Amino acid sequence: MSNFRTFILGLIASFGLPWLFLIVIPVIKYQELTSLPYDKDRDGVEGYYPPATVHGQGQLVYIREGCVQCHTQMIRPTQLALDGWRKGWGQDQEARPSTPVRSNNLRDYFGEKYAPLGMVRSGPDLANYGWRAPERSVIHQMLYAPRTLHDWSNMPAYRHLYKQRERQGPESSNAVKVSTKGDSRYEVVPTAEAEALVDYLLSLKKDYLVPGTAVADSAPGKK
């Protein structure tokens, strides 16, 4: 009986403690987060951090379509990897940014119902995709037919988020630039869900200045 009780207690501790420290405590801390005000003199910018949240409706489409299976949204500490020096990972689009892109912290995801950090980088990290994103029409083309842009792409096509329809006069301004099998009577246009997904991708900017971590001279927009 004593051994059985020890076994049960050990089982509870084995599963309960990780659940407590990895789920319960982080959730409580996240729920207690609030926006932090910038100090104009100290930070060189005004307002609150983070200054904006992601496009929530598009995030639901992103999660539902399984994008999180191939893309992460987390810049790791620079001392652990070379993430911060890679081109296009932040506001500075130079081949080697003057300062490394900072690693993400919990408040970067403030206001999001979900934080799709991801597990595997089969595709590029999207934490700061909004800074390097091409034109909206190109993103739609990439989602509808990835290999029309890069023949080596292993990204799946999300054609179910688009519809092919017969033209009603001139080509629609938001028609996707793809072939309709030589039939000029038809065009491919994004659905509301496709538009929301693109809005979400464009809103991904998680490298804003953290209040109190830099002097005004190094704040965004300052030279």
C-alpha atoms as a PDB file:
ATOM      1  CA  MET A   1       0.000   0.000   0.000  1.00  0.00           C
ATOM      2  CA  SER A   2       2.818   2.352   0.892  1.00  0.00           C
ATOM      3  CA  ASN A   3       4.548   1.638  -2.403  1.00  0.00           C
ATOM      4  CA  PHE A   4       1.316   2.273  -4.271  1.00  0.00           C
ATOM      5  CA  ARG A   5       0.850   5.626  -2.526  1.00  0.00           C
ATOM      6  CA  THR A   6       4.449   6.561  -3.357  1.00  0.00           C
ATOM      7  CA  PHE A   7       3.854   5.592  -6.988  1.00  0.00           C
ATOM      8  CA  ILE A   8       0.708   7.749  -7.217  1.00  0.00           C
ATOM      9  CA  LEU A   9       2.400  10.733  -5.568  1.00  0.00           C
ATOM     10  CA  GLY A  10       5.384  10.361  -7.902  1.00  0.00           C
ATOM     11  CA  LEU A  11       3.038  10.167 -10.884  1.00  0.00           C
ATOM     12  CA  ILE A  12       1.227  13.327  -9.787  1.00  0.00           C
ATOM     13  CA  ALA A  13       4.527  15.144  -9.293  1.00  0.00           C
ATOM     14  CA  SER A  14       5.893  13.970 -12.669  1.00  0.00           C
ATOM     15  CA  PHE A  15       2.932  15.361 -14.590  1.00  0.00           C
ATOM     16  CA  GLY A  16       1.694  18.057 -12.226  1.00  0.00           C
ATOM     17  CA  LEU A  17       4.891  20.023 -11.739  1.00  0.00           C
ATOM     18  CA  PRO A  18       5.655  20.439 -15.486  1.00  0.00           C
ATOM     19  CA  TRP A  19       2.015  21.419 -16.042  1.00  0.00           C
ATOM     20  CA  LEU A  20       2.280  23.980 -13.248  1.00  0.00           C
ATOM     21  CA  PHE A  21       5.566  25.543 -14.370  1.00  0.00           C
ATOM     22  CA  LEU A  22       5.132  25.276 -18.133  1.00  0.00           C
ATOM     23  CA  ILE A  23       1.440  26.112 -18.468  1.00  0.00           C
ATOM     24  CA  VAL A  24      -0.279  27.500 -15.376  1.00  0.00           C
ATOM     25  CA  ILE A  25       2.366  30.001 -14.220  1.00  0.00           C
ATOM     26  CA  PRO A  26       3.130  31.367 -17.737  1.00  0.00           C
ATOM     27  CA  VAL A  27      -0.613  31.805 -18.412  1.00  0.00           C
ATOM     28  CA  ILE A  28      -1.074  33.714 -15.156  1.00  0.00           C
ATOM     29  CA  LYS A  29       1.912  35.935 -15.955  1.00  0.00           C
ATOM     30  CA  TYR A  30       0.630  36.583 -19.482  1.00  0.00           C
ATOM     31  CA  GLN A  31      -2.817  37.564 -18.194  1.00  0.00           C
ATOM     32  CA  GLU A  32      -1.217  40.116 -15.885  1.00  0.00           C
ATOM     33  CA  LEU A  33       0.657  41.878 -18.680  1.00  0.00           C
ATOM     34  CA  THR A  34      -0.154  45.482 -19.542  1.00  0.00           C
ATOM     35  CA  SER A  35       1.157  47.901 -22.142  1.00  0.00           C
ATOM     36  CA  LEU A  36       4.268  49.858 -21.120  1.00  0.00           C
ATOM     37  CA  PRO A  37       4.480  53.617 -21.786  1.00  0.00           C
ATOM     38  CA  TYR A  38       7.424  55.049 -23.681  1.00  0.00           C
ATOM     39  CA  ASP A  39       9.351  57.950 -22.213  1.00  0.00           C
ATOM     40  CA  LYS A  40       9.924  60.546 -24.927  1.00  0.00           C
ATOM     41  CA  ASP A  41      13.200  61.799 -23.438  1.00  0.00           C
ATOM     42  CA  ARG A  42      14.593  58.379 -22.655  1.00  0.00           C
ATOM     43  CA  ASP A  43      13.307  56.280 -25.563  1.00  0.00           C
ATOM     44  CA  GLY A  44      12.932  58.886 -28.303  1.00  0.00           C
ATOM     45  CA  VAL A  45       9.403  57.730 -29.138  1.00  0.00           C
ATOM     46  CA  GLU A  46       5.935  58.250 -27.720  1.00  0.00           C
ATOM     47  CA  GLY A  47       2.994  55.966 -27.081  1.00  0.00           C
ATOM     48  CA  TYR A  48       2.885  52.476 -25.632  1.00  0.00           C
ATOM     49  CA  TYR A  49       4.733  49.224 -26.180  1.00  0.00           C
ATOM     50  CA  PRO A  50       3.798  47.120 -27.973  1.00  0.00           C
ATOM     51  CA  PRO A  51       2.309  49.824 -30.228  1.00  0.00           C
ATOM     52  CA  ALA A  52      -0.064  47.523 -32.117  1.00  0.00           C
ATOM     53  CA  THR A  53      -1.454  44.010 -31.983  1.00  0.00           C
ATOM     54  CA  VAL A  54      -1.711  41.576 -34.853  1.00  0.00           C
ATOM     55  CA  HIS A  55      -4.740  41.171 -37.108  1.00  0.00           C
ATOM     56  CA  GLY A  56      -6.766  38.759 -34.982  1.00  0.00           C
ATOM     57  CA  GLN A  57      -9.148  37.419 -37.621  1.00  0.00           C
ATOM     58  CA  GLY A  58      -6.275  36.627 -39.949  1.00  0.00           C
ATOM     59  CA  GLN A  59      -4.426  34.885 -37.140  1.00  0.00           C
ATOM     60  CA  LEU A  60      -7.303  32.429 -36.807  1.00  0.00           C
ATOM     61  CA  VAL A  61      -6.988  31.598 -40.524  1.00  0.00           C
ATOM     62  CA  TYR A  62      -3.212  31.223 -40.110  1.00  0.00           C
ATOM     63  CA  ILE A  63      -3.658  28.739 -37.268  1.00  0.00           C
ATOM     64  CA  ARG A  64      -6.467  26.830 -38.943  1.00  0.00           C
ATOM     65  CA  GLU A  65      -4.481  26.366 -42.141  1.00  0.00           C
ATOM     66  CA  GLY A  66      -1.545  24.884 -40.227  1.00  0.00           C
ATOM     67  CA  CYS A  67       1.005  27.578 -41.118  1.00  0.00           C
ATOM     68  CA  VAL A  68       2.418  27.196 -37.621  1.00  0.00           C
ATOM     69  CA  GLN A  69       3.613  23.702 -38.553  1.00  0.00           C
ATOM     70  CA  CYS A  70       6.293  25.111 -40.891  1.00  0.00           C
ATOM     71  CA  HIS A  71       6.887  28.673 -39.666  1.00  0.00           C
ATOM     72  CA  THR A  72       8.050  29.940 -36.310  1.00  0.00           C
ATOM     73  CA  GLN A  73       7.399  33.402 -34.900  1.00  0.00           C
ATOM     74  CA  MET A  74      10.224  33.804 -32.432  1.00  0.00           C
ATOM     75  CA  ILE A  75      13.632  35.448 -32.720  1.00  0.00           C
ATOM     76  CA  ARG A  76      15.910  33.592 -30.332  1.00  0.00           C
ATOM     77  CA  PRO A  77      18.635  35.279 -28.247  1.00  0.00           C
ATOM     78  CA  THR A  78      21.511  36.233 -30.536  1.00  0.00           C
ATOM     79  CA  GLN A  79      24.119  34.570 -28.350  1.00  0.00           C
ATOM     80  CA  LEU A  80      22.413  31.224 -28.982  1.00  0.00           C
ATOM     81  CA  ALA A  81      22.097  31.563 -32.749  1.00  0.00           C
ATOM     82  CA  LEU A  82      22.697  33.900 -35.677  1.00  0.00           C
ATOM     83  CA  ASP A  83      19.049  34.936 -36.011  1.00  0.00           C
ATOM     84  CA  GLY A  84      19.625  38.584 -35.184  1.00  0.00           C
ATOM     85  CA  TRP A  85      22.143  39.148 -37.968  1.00  0.00           C
ATOM     86  CA  ARG A  86      20.163  37.717 -40.833  1.00  0.00           C
ATOM     87  CA  LYS A  87      18.907  39.982 -43.584  1.00  0.00           C
ATOM     88  CA  GLY A  88      15.256  40.923 -43.441  1.00  0.00           C
ATOM     89  CA  TRP A  89      14.553  39.807 -39.893  1.00  0.00           C
ATOM     90  CA  GLY A  90      13.692  43.303 -38.633  1.00  0.00           C
ATOM     91  CA  GLN A  91      13.178  46.940 -39.590  1.00  0.00           C
ATOM     92  CA  ASP A  92      16.774  47.245 -40.795  1.00  0.00           C
ATOM     93  CA  GLN A  93      16.848  45.514 -44.195  1.00  0.00           C
ATOM     94  CA  GLU A  94      20.594  45.749 -44.754  1.00  0.00           C
ATOM     95  CA  ALA A  95      22.567  42.567 -45.466  1.00  0.00           C
ATOM     96  CA  ARG A  96      24.193  42.917 -42.037  1.00  0.00           C
ATOM     97  CA  PRO A  97      22.141  45.199 -39.754  1.00  0.00           C
ATOM     98  CA  SER A  98      24.066  47.702 -37.665  1.00  0.00           C
ATOM     99  CA  THR A  99      22.552  46.144 -34.541  1.00  0.00           C
ATOM    100  CA  PRO A 100      21.170  42.621 -34.192  1.00  0.00           C
ATOM    101  CA  VAL A 101      17.424  42.137 -34.178  1.00  0.00           C
ATOM    102  CA  ARG A 102      16.481  41.667 -30.557  1.00  0.00           C
ATOM    103  CA  SER A 103      15.089  38.397 -29.311  1.00  0.00           C
ATOM    104  CA  ASN A 104      11.379  38.248 -28.610  1.00  0.00           C
ATOM    105  CA  ASN A 105       9.873  38.537 -25.154  1.00  0.00           C
ATOM    106  CA  LEU A 106       6.490  37.701 -23.683  1.00  0.00           C
ATOM    107  CA  ARG A 107       5.059  41.211 -24.107  1.00  0.00           C
ATOM    108  CA  ASP A 108       5.653  41.080 -27.895  1.00  0.00           C
ATOM    109  CA  TYR A 109       2.609  38.801 -28.018  1.00  0.00           C
ATOM    110  CA  PHE A 110       0.470  41.039 -25.810  1.00  0.00           C
ATOM    111  CA  GLY A 111      -3.120  41.234 -26.996  1.00  0.00           C
ATOM    112  CA  GLU A 112      -2.953  38.030 -29.047  1.00  0.00           C
ATOM    113  CA  LYS A 113      -5.417  35.283 -28.225  1.00  0.00           C
ATOM    114  CA  TYR A 114      -2.823  32.772 -29.392  1.00  0.00           C
ATOM    115  CA  ALA A 115       0.942  33.005 -29.755  1.00  0.00           C
ATOM    116  CA  PRO A 116       1.869  30.688 -32.660  1.00  0.00           C
ATOM    117  CA  LEU A 117       5.559  30.358 -31.796  1.00  0.00           C
ATOM    118  CA  GLY A 118       5.897  27.231 -33.929  1.00  0.00           C
ATOM    119  CA  MET A 119       8.224  24.286 -33.568  1.00  0.00           C
ATOM    120  CA  VAL A 120      10.029  23.776 -36.897  1.00  0.00           C
ATOM    121  CA  ARG A 121      11.471  26.228 -39.403  1.00  0.00           C
ATOM    122  CA  SER A 122      10.690  24.417 -42.632  1.00  0.00           C
ATOM    123  CA  GLY A 123       9.953  27.910 -43.888  1.00  0.00           C
ATOM    124  CA  PRO A 124      11.385  31.262 -42.787  1.00  0.00           C
ATOM    125  CA  ASP A 125      10.577  32.755 -39.414  1.00  0.00           C
ATOM    126  CA  LEU A 126       7.657  35.196 -39.649  1.00  0.00           C
ATOM    127  CA  ALA A 127       8.039  37.173 -36.400  1.00  0.00           C
ATOM    128  CA  ASN A 128       8.946  40.339 -38.324  1.00  0.00           C
ATOM    129  CA  TYR A 129       7.577  39.416 -41.746  1.00  0.00           C
ATOM    130  CA  GLY A 130       5.634  42.683 -41.953  1.00  0.00           C
ATOM    131  CA  TRP A 131       8.899  44.610 -42.428  1.00  0.00           C
ATOM    132  CA  ARG A 132      10.151  42.577 -45.380  1.00  0.00           C
ATOM    133  CA  ALA A 133       6.874  41.566 -47.005  1.00  0.00           C
ATOM    134  CA  PRO A 134       6.489  42.234 -50.751  1.00  0.00           C
ATOM    135  CA  GLU A 135       3.446  43.882 -52.292  1.00  0.00           C
ATOM    136  CA  ARG A 136       0.070  42.535 -51.268  1.00  0.00           C
ATOM    137  CA  SER A 137      -0.553  41.098 -54.732  1.00  0.00           C
ATOM    138  CA  VAL A 138       2.698  39.107 -54.525  1.00  0.00           C
ATOM    139  CA  ILE A 139       1.705  37.599 -51.177  1.00  0.00           C
ATOM    140  CA  HIS A 140      -1.600  36.497 -52.681  1.00  0.00           C
ATOM    141  CA  GLN A 141       0.242  34.931 -55.615  1.00  0.00           C
ATOM    142  CA  MET A 142       2.549  33.142 -53.191  1.00  0.00           C
ATOM    143  CA  LEU A 143      -0.396  31.749 -51.234  1.00  0.00           C
ATOM    144  CA  TYR A 144      -2.336  30.688 -54.329  1.00  0.00           C
ATOM    145  CA  ALA A 145       0.523  29.258 -56.408  1.00  0.00           C
ATOM    146  CA  PRO A 146       3.902  29.360 -54.597  1.00  0.00           C
ATOM    147  CA  ARG A 147       5.876  27.786 -57.440  1.00  0.00           C
ATOM    148  CA  THR A 148       4.933  30.533 -59.879  1.00  0.00           C
ATOM    149  CA  LEU A 149       7.322  32.697 -57.840  1.00  0.00           C
ATOM    150  CA  HIS A 150       9.927  30.092 -56.834  1.00  0.00           C
ATOM    151  CA  ASP A 151      10.017  26.745 -58.596  1.00  0.00           C
ATOM    152  CA  TRP A 152      11.920  25.261 -55.643  1.00  0.00           C
ATOM    153  CA  SER A 153       9.264  26.179 -53.092  1.00  0.00           C
ATOM    154  CA  ASN A 154       7.882  23.377 -50.920  1.00  0.00           C
ATOM    155  CA  MET A 155       5.077  25.567 -49.599  1.00  0.00           C
ATOM    156  CA  PRO A 156       1.583  24.141 -50.146  1.00  0.00           C
ATOM    157  CA  ALA A 157      -0.893  26.059 -52.280  1.00  0.00           C
ATOM    158  CA  TYR A 158      -3.909  27.506 -50.474  1.00  0.00           C
ATOM    159  CA  ARG A 159      -6.178  27.649 -53.503  1.00  0.00           C
ATOM    160  CA  HIS A 160      -9.261  26.961 -51.413  1.00  0.00           C
ATOM    161  CA  LEU A 161      -8.869  30.493 -50.022  1.00  0.00           C
ATOM    162  CA  TYR A 162      -9.439  31.878 -53.517  1.00  0.00           C
ATOM    163  CA  LYS A 163     -12.147  31.596 -56.114  1.00  0.00           C
ATOM    164  CA  GLN A 164     -12.104  31.592 -59.882  1.00  0.00           C
ATOM    165  CA  ARG A 165     -14.888  33.580 -61.435  1.00  0.00           C
ATOM    166  CA  GLU A 166     -15.934  34.924 -64.782  1.00  0.00           C
ATOM    167  CA  ARG A 167     -14.869  38.498 -65.367  1.00  0.00           C
ATOM    168  CA  GLN A 168     -17.485  41.190 -65.177  1.00  0.00           C
ATOM    169  CA  GLY A 169     -15.727  43.705 -67.388  1.00  0.00           C
ATOM    170  CA  PRO A 170     -12.071  44.758 -66.804  1.00  0.00           C
ATOM    171  CA  GLU A 171      -9.879  42.606 -64.590  1.00  0.00           C
ATOM    172  CA  SER A 172     -10.499  43.156 -60.885  1.00  0.00           C
ATOM    173  CA  SER A 173      -7.892  45.280 -59.099  1.00  0.00           C
ATOM    174  CA  ASN A 174      -7.307  42.483 -56.567  1.00  0.00           C
ATOM    175  CA  ALA A 175      -7.133  39.617 -59.071  1.00  0.00           C
ATOM    176  CA  VAL A 176      -4.233  37.248 -58.460  1.00  0.00           C
ATOM    177  CA  LYS A 177      -1.542  37.362 -61.165  1.00  0.00           C
ATOM    178  CA  VAL A 178      -1.758  33.718 -62.208  1.00  0.00           C
ATOM    179  CA  SER A 179      -2.743  31.830 -65.305  1.00  0.00           C
ATOM    180  CA  THR A 180      -6.362  30.746 -65.765  1.00  0.00           C
ATOM    181  CA  LYS A 181      -5.357  28.129 -68.354  1.00  0.00           C
ATOM    182  CA  GLY A 182      -5.373  30.580 -71.225  1.00  0.00           C
ATOM    183  CA  ASP A 183      -9.006  31.561 -70.753  1.00  0.00           C
ATOM    184  CA  SER A 184      -9.080  35.327 -70.369  1.00  0.00           C
ATOM    185  CA  ARG A 185     -12.761  35.237 -69.452  1.00  0.00           C
ATOM    186  CA  TYR A 186     -11.864  34.154 -65.922  1.00  0.00           C
ATOM    187  CA  GLU A 187      -9.876  35.576 -63.043  1.00  0.00           C
ATOM    188  CA  VAL A 188      -8.774  34.409 -59.602  1.00  0.00           C
ATOM    189  CA  VAL A 189      -9.696  36.616 -56.670  1.00  0.00           C
ATOM    190  CA  PRO A 190      -9.055  36.247 -52.912  1.00  0.00           C
ATOM    191  CA  THR A 191     -11.836  35.454 -50.488  1.00  0.00           C
ATOM    192  CA  ALA A 192     -12.353  37.446 -47.300  1.00  0.00           C
ATOM    193  CA  GLU A 193     -10.319  34.809 -45.448  1.00  0.00           C
ATOM    194  CA  ALA A 194      -7.379  35.196 -47.848  1.00  0.00           C
ATOM    195  CA  GLU A 195      -7.468  38.972 -47.358  1.00  0.00           C
ATOM    196  CA  ALA A 196      -7.544  38.514 -43.576  1.00  0.00           C
ATOM    197  CA  LEU A 197      -4.573  36.140 -43.743  1.00  0.00           C
ATOM    198  CA  VAL A 198      -2.548  38.690 -45.723  1.00  0.00           C
ATOM    199  CA  ASP A 199      -3.560  41.425 -43.260  1.00  0.00           C
ATOM    200  CA  TYR A 200      -2.232  39.224 -40.476  1.00  0.00           C
ATOM    201  CA  LEU A 201       1.085  38.548 -42.211  1.00  0.00           C
ATOM    202  CA  LEU A 202       1.574  42.270 -42.838  1.00  0.00           C
ATOM    203  CA  SER A 203       0.890  43.038 -39.165  1.00  0.00           C
ATOM    204  CA  LEU A 204       3.724  40.806 -37.921  1.00  0.00           C
ATOM    205  CA  LYS A 205       6.269  43.268 -36.505  1.00  0.00           C
ATOM    206  CA  LYS A 206       7.738  42.123 -33.203  1.00  0.00           C
ATOM    207  CA  ASP A 207      10.973  44.076 -32.911  1.00  0.00           C
ATOM    208  CA  TYR A 208       9.687  47.410 -31.624  1.00  0.00           C
ATOM    209  CA  LEU A 209      11.864  49.202 -29.104  1.00  0.00           C
ATOM    210  CA  VAL A 210      11.295  47.980 -25.549  1.00  0.00           C
ATOM    211  CA  PRO A 211      10.913  50.932 -23.145  1.00  0.00           C
ATOM    212  CA  GLY A 212      14.036  51.600 -21.138  1.00  0.00           C
ATOM    213  CA  THR A 213      16.365  49.367 -23.159  1.00  0.00           C
ATOM    214  CA  ALA A 214      17.921  51.995 -25.441  1.00  0.00           C
ATOM    215  CA  VAL A 215      18.737  55.669 -25.364  1.00  0.00           C
ATOM    216  CA  ALA A 216      16.893  58.140 -27.557  1.00  0.00           C
ATOM    217  CA  ASP A 217      19.698  58.312 -30.139  1.00  0.00           C
ATOM    218  CA  SER A 218      19.288  54.637 -31.005  1.00  0.00           C
ATOM    219  CA  ALA A 219      15.493  54.639 -31.067  1.00  0.00           C
ATOM    220  CA  PRO A 220      13.692  53.785 -34.349  1.00  0.00           C
ATOM    221  CA  GLY A 221      13.741  56.698 -36.741  1.00  0.00           C
ATOM    222  CA  LYS A 222      16.650  58.382 -34.950  1.00  0.00           C
ATOM    223  CA  LYS A 223      20.084  58.811 -36.548  1.00  0.00           C
END
